[in-house]
């Protein structure tokens, strides 16, 4: 049975040792959410074939309709994502002529020759398709397996975003659920988060389709600061907006009653890619 679930895999030792910030996962999660998918997990793994293969298997076991991974597609010895995916799907790695031609042209245009290390990037699981990389040299990989659309992308953010927007987004729009997603954001000063918690609970009880999350932001001039982020999703655009505006007005009145200072960071709106 198809679901609206999505999983994100971030592959690379550099993430787990804290060398780089995992901005790719945040960016992809935002895009998938705006498309109407529910992101169930974001998992980071080392450049290890067995661990990464198990992460792919787990995402499939979660009945994810979309799985997006980043990292591990380059020419070096520790770029093992293609091998990991092949192991997860119990498929052989084969040389893709289409991927090979993509890579060959990139290096020819740069006046460079093909080497075994560069050819390595043309090996993908049997039956998979390469994804064109307009920025770098390593193609991505796309394969559909047991209802899961699996997209494997390089780690460099400029390459990843270009490939996602140019090659992946058109397909995701075709398979995305007909779900609208809306939000608004308030900043509240002068009310501690613990004191405001009953109002958050009351808002969610009164407007059952919304989700309210408070984020403490520290203190400024002695006043506590809370960001209040409210989201709502569903198939009926009008109903979502009604829920959001109802919660918006309820929270504003609650802040006034408690003597807090309110700043509207974002009014209720519907977002969709």
Protein backbone atom coordinates (compact mmCIF):
# COMPACT_ATOMS: atom_id res chain seq x y z
CA UNK A 1 0.00 0.00 0.00
CA UNK A 2 1.37 3.40 -0.99
CA UNK A 3 1.92 5.96 1.72
CA UNK A 4 2.86 9.62 1.88
CA UNK A 5 5.94 8.91 3.99
CA UNK A 6 9.44 10.05 3.13
CA UNK A 7 12.87 9.31 4.61
CA UNK A 8 16.14 11.19 4.22
CA UNK A 9 19.57 9.58 4.48
CA UNK A 10 22.68 11.70 4.99
CA UNK A 11 25.81 9.70 4.28
CA UNK A 12 29.35 10.64 5.24
CA UNK A 13 31.83 10.54 8.09
CA UNK A 14 32.18 14.32 7.84
CA UNK A 15 28.63 14.74 9.15
CA UNK A 16 29.05 12.41 12.11
CA UNK A 17 32.32 13.94 13.30
CA UNK A 18 30.79 17.41 13.16
CA UNK A 19 33.02 18.71 10.38
CA UNK A 20 30.08 19.98 8.33
CA UNK A 21 26.54 21.09 9.09
CA UNK A 22 23.89 18.81 7.61
CA UNK A 23 22.14 21.55 5.66
CA UNK A 24 21.14 19.11 2.90
CA UNK A 25 18.71 17.24 5.15
CA UNK A 26 17.04 20.44 6.32
CA UNK A 27 16.63 21.69 2.74
CA UNK A 28 15.24 18.39 1.46
CA UNK A 29 12.88 18.03 4.44
CA UNK A 30 11.41 21.46 3.74
CA UNK A 31 10.87 20.62 0.07
CA UNK A 32 9.27 17.24 0.78
CA UNK A 33 6.99 18.75 3.44
CA UNK A 34 5.81 21.47 1.07
CA UNK A 35 5.06 18.78 -1.51
CA UNK A 36 2.75 17.08 1.00
CA UNK A 37 4.95 14.20 2.14
CA UNK A 38 5.41 13.31 5.80
CA UNK A 39 9.11 13.01 6.61
CA UNK A 40 9.34 10.13 9.10
CA UNK A 41 13.07 10.06 9.68
CA UNK A 42 16.40 11.71 8.92
CA UNK A 43 19.26 9.26 9.39
CA UNK A 44 23.01 9.88 9.18
CA UNK A 45 25.45 7.04 8.55
CA UNK A 46 29.18 6.64 8.14
CA UNK A 47 30.78 5.83 4.80
CA UNK A 48 30.21 2.16 5.55
CA UNK A 49 28.55 -0.21 3.09
CA UNK A 50 26.78 -2.41 5.64
CA UNK A 51 25.51 0.47 7.79
CA UNK A 52 24.29 2.48 4.81
CA UNK A 53 22.65 -0.56 3.21
CA UNK A 54 20.76 -1.19 6.45
CA UNK A 55 19.64 2.46 6.52
CA UNK A 56 18.17 2.04 3.02
CA UNK A 57 16.45 -1.20 4.08
CA UNK A 58 14.98 0.45 7.16
CA UNK A 59 13.60 3.32 5.08
CA UNK A 60 11.96 0.76 2.78
CA UNK A 61 10.56 -1.14 5.78
CA UNK A 62 8.94 2.11 6.94
CA UNK A 63 6.93 1.98 3.68
CA UNK A 64 8.48 5.23 2.52
CA UNK A 65 7.12 6.38 -0.80
CA UNK A 66 10.15 8.63 -1.24
CA UNK A 67 13.71 8.04 -0.04
CA UNK A 68 16.36 10.67 -0.71
CA UNK A 69 20.01 10.16 0.16
CA UNK A 70 22.94 12.55 -0.17
CA UNK A 71 26.66 11.87 -0.15
CA UNK A 72 29.03 9.10 -1.16
CA UNK A 73 28.84 9.26 -4.97
CA UNK A 74 32.32 10.58 -5.80
CA UNK A 75 35.41 8.86 -7.25
CA UNK A 76 37.29 8.17 -4.02
CA UNK A 77 37.60 4.89 -2.11
CA UNK A 78 35.19 5.99 0.63
CA UNK A 79 32.36 6.90 -1.77
CA UNK A 80 30.28 3.76 -1.31
CA UNK A 81 26.63 4.77 -1.59
CA UNK A 82 25.98 3.10 -4.95
CA UNK A 83 27.41 -0.15 -3.60
CA UNK A 84 25.36 0.24 -0.41
CA UNK A 85 22.13 0.73 -2.36
CA UNK A 86 22.86 -2.29 -4.56
CA UNK A 87 23.45 -4.42 -1.47
CA UNK A 88 20.24 -3.15 0.15
CA UNK A 89 18.20 -4.07 -2.92
CA UNK A 90 20.12 -7.32 -3.55
CA UNK A 91 21.07 -6.13 -7.03
CA UNK A 92 24.42 -6.22 -8.83
CA UNK A 93 26.35 -3.03 -9.60
CA UNK A 94 26.66 -2.59 -13.36
CA UNK A 95 28.29 -0.04 -15.63
CA UNK A 96 25.61 2.33 -16.92
CA UNK A 97 26.46 3.44 -20.44
CA UNK A 98 24.27 6.51 -19.99
CA UNK A 99 26.04 7.49 -16.77
CA UNK A 100 29.43 6.79 -18.36
CA UNK A 101 28.68 9.14 -21.25
CA UNK A 102 27.58 11.87 -18.83
CA UNK A 103 30.86 11.59 -16.94
CA UNK A 104 33.02 11.27 -20.06
CA UNK A 105 31.59 14.46 -21.57
CA UNK A 106 32.24 16.40 -18.35
CA UNK A 107 35.91 15.42 -18.33
CA UNK A 108 36.38 15.82 -22.09
CA UNK A 109 34.98 19.33 -21.90
CA UNK A 110 37.49 20.05 -19.13
CA UNK A 111 40.35 18.60 -21.18
CA UNK A 112 40.76 15.62 -18.86
CA UNK A 113 40.81 11.89 -19.54
CA UNK A 114 38.76 9.08 -18.04
CA UNK A 115 40.39 7.08 -15.25
CA UNK A 116 39.25 4.01 -13.28
CA UNK A 117 38.36 6.29 -10.36
CA UNK A 118 36.16 8.44 -12.59
CA UNK A 119 34.63 5.42 -14.30
CA UNK A 120 33.65 4.16 -10.83
CA UNK A 121 30.96 6.86 -10.70
CA UNK A 122 29.18 5.21 -13.67
CA UNK A 123 28.37 2.02 -11.75
CA UNK A 124 24.79 1.85 -10.48
CA UNK A 125 22.42 -0.94 -9.37
CA UNK A 126 20.98 -3.03 -12.19
CA UNK A 127 17.75 -1.47 -13.47
CA UNK A 128 18.44 1.95 -11.94
CA UNK A 129 18.71 5.15 -13.96
CA UNK A 130 21.36 7.87 -13.70
CA UNK A 131 20.32 11.40 -12.75
CA UNK A 132 22.08 14.16 -14.69
CA UNK A 133 24.33 16.42 -12.63
CA UNK A 134 24.45 19.92 -14.21
CA UNK A 135 26.97 21.25 -11.69
CA UNK A 136 29.43 18.46 -10.86
CA UNK A 137 30.58 15.20 -12.40
CA UNK A 138 28.95 12.41 -10.37
CA UNK A 139 25.50 11.40 -11.67
CA UNK A 140 22.78 10.63 -9.18
CA UNK A 141 20.79 7.39 -9.11
CA UNK A 142 17.04 6.75 -9.35
CA UNK A 143 15.34 3.43 -8.81
CA UNK A 144 11.83 2.37 -7.85
CA UNK A 145 11.72 -0.59 -5.50
CA UNK A 146 8.61 -2.11 -3.90
CA UNK A 147 6.70 1.16 -4.11
CA UNK A 148 9.60 3.30 -2.88
CA UNK A 149 11.02 5.96 -5.18
CA UNK A 150 14.71 6.11 -4.24
CA UNK A 151 16.84 9.10 -5.22
CA UNK A 152 20.59 9.08 -4.52
CA UNK A 153 22.30 12.47 -4.83
CA UNK A 154 25.83 13.84 -4.34
CA UNK A 155 26.70 15.60 -1.10
CA UNK A 156 27.87 19.06 -2.30
CA UNK A 157 24.84 21.33 -1.73
CA UNK A 158 25.06 23.15 -5.08
CA UNK A 159 25.00 19.85 -6.94
CA UNK A 160 22.26 18.38 -4.76
CA UNK A 161 19.90 21.36 -5.04
CA UNK A 162 20.33 21.70 -8.81
CA UNK A 163 19.64 18.01 -9.37
CA UNK A 164 16.67 18.01 -7.00
CA UNK A 165 15.03 21.02 -8.61
CA UNK A 166 15.79 20.15 -12.24
CA UNK A 167 15.46 16.38 -12.30
CA UNK A 168 13.62 15.14 -9.21
CA UNK A 169 11.01 17.79 -8.46
CA UNK A 170 9.01 17.21 -11.69
CA UNK A 171 8.60 13.52 -10.80
CA UNK A 172 7.79 14.23 -7.16
CA UNK A 173 5.02 16.62 -8.21
CA UNK A 174 3.41 13.78 -10.16
CA UNK A 175 3.40 11.35 -7.23
CA UNK A 176 2.92 13.82 -4.37
CA UNK A 177 -0.29 13.56 -2.33
CA UNK A 178 -2.92 16.22 -2.86
CA UNK A 179 -2.12 17.77 0.47
CA UNK A 180 -1.92 21.44 1.37
CA UNK A 181 0.43 22.58 4.11
CA UNK A 182 0.08 25.84 6.02
CA UNK A 183 1.81 27.62 8.86
CA UNK A 184 2.27 30.80 10.86
CA UNK A 185 4.92 32.00 13.27
CA UNK A 186 4.62 34.20 16.36
CA UNK A 187 7.26 35.48 18.74
CA UNK A 188 6.21 35.96 22.35
CA UNK A 189 8.23 37.93 24.90
CA UNK A 190 7.75 38.13 28.64
CA UNK A 191 5.99 34.79 29.16
CA UNK A 192 8.10 31.75 30.21
CA UNK A 193 7.54 28.67 28.06
CA UNK A 194 6.25 26.62 31.01
CA UNK A 195 3.63 29.28 31.77
CA UNK A 196 2.57 29.43 28.13
CA UNK A 197 2.33 25.62 27.78
CA UNK A 198 -1.35 25.43 28.92
CA UNK A 199 -2.27 27.88 26.14
CA UNK A 200 -0.48 25.70 23.60
CA UNK A 201 -2.41 22.67 24.85
CA UNK A 202 -5.71 24.57 24.79
CA UNK A 203 -5.08 25.75 21.24
CA UNK A 204 -4.47 22.23 19.96
CA UNK A 205 -7.55 20.94 21.77
CA UNK A 206 -9.74 23.69 20.33
CA UNK A 207 -8.34 23.42 16.78
CA UNK A 208 -7.79 19.69 16.38
CA UNK A 209 -6.11 19.72 12.97
CA UNK A 210 -3.23 22.00 13.91
CA UNK A 211 0.11 21.32 15.55
CA UNK A 212 1.70 23.91 17.84
CA UNK A 213 5.37 23.84 18.75
CA UNK A 214 7.03 26.37 21.05
CA UNK A 215 10.76 27.04 20.79
CA UNK A 216 12.48 28.88 23.66
CA UNK A 217 14.97 31.41 22.30
CA UNK A 218 16.60 32.57 25.52
CA UNK A 219 16.22 36.01 27.08
CA UNK A 220 16.51 39.58 25.87
CA UNK A 221 16.64 42.52 28.31
CA UNK A 222 15.46 40.15 31.02
CA UNK A 223 12.40 38.94 29.09
CA UNK A 224 11.98 35.30 28.04
CA UNK A 225 11.46 34.80 24.31
CA UNK A 226 9.43 32.01 22.68
CA UNK A 227 8.89 31.34 18.99
CA UNK A 228 5.50 29.69 18.46
CA UNK A 229 5.30 27.77 15.18
CA UNK A 230 1.87 26.49 14.13
CA UNK A 231 1.31 24.10 11.22
CA UNK A 232 -1.67 22.38 9.62
CA UNK A 233 -2.07 20.07 6.64
CA UNK A 234 -4.92 18.40 4.80
CA UNK A 235 -6.79 18.05 1.53
CA UNK A 236 -9.18 20.97 2.07
CA UNK A 237 -7.37 24.28 1.54
CA UNK A 238 -10.20 26.38 2.95
CA UNK A 239 -10.47 24.24 6.08
CA UNK A 240 -6.74 24.53 6.72
CA UNK A 241 -6.83 28.32 6.46
CA UNK A 242 -9.83 28.47 8.79
CA UNK A 243 -8.00 26.34 11.37
CA UNK A 244 -4.85 28.44 11.09
CA UNK A 245 -6.62 31.78 11.41
CA UNK A 246 -8.69 30.50 14.30
CA UNK A 247 -5.58 29.36 16.15
CA UNK A 248 -3.80 32.58 15.20
CA UNK A 249 -6.48 34.77 16.77
CA UNK A 250 -6.81 32.50 19.81
CA UNK A 251 -3.07 32.65 20.53
CA UNK A 252 -2.95 36.42 20.07
CA UNK A 253 -5.72 36.86 22.63
CA UNK A 254 -3.95 34.43 24.96
CA UNK A 255 -0.74 36.47 24.83
CA UNK A 256 -2.65 39.67 25.54
CA UNK A 257 -4.42 38.08 28.51
CA UNK A 258 -1.08 37.01 29.97
CA UNK A 259 0.51 40.42 29.49
CA UNK A 260 3.09 39.27 26.96
CA UNK A 261 4.60 41.15 24.05
CA UNK A 262 3.70 39.73 20.64
CA UNK A 263 5.39 39.96 17.26
CA UNK A 264 3.88 38.32 14.18
CA UNK A 265 6.75 36.81 12.24
CA UNK A 266 4.54 35.19 9.62
CA UNK A 267 0.78 35.32 9.13
CA UNK A 268 -1.23 32.19 8.28
CA UNK A 269 -0.59 31.07 4.72
CA UNK A 270 -0.65 27.99 2.53
CA UNK A 271 2.66 26.77 1.14
CA UNK A 272 3.04 24.28 -1.70
CA UNK A 273 5.74 23.61 -4.28
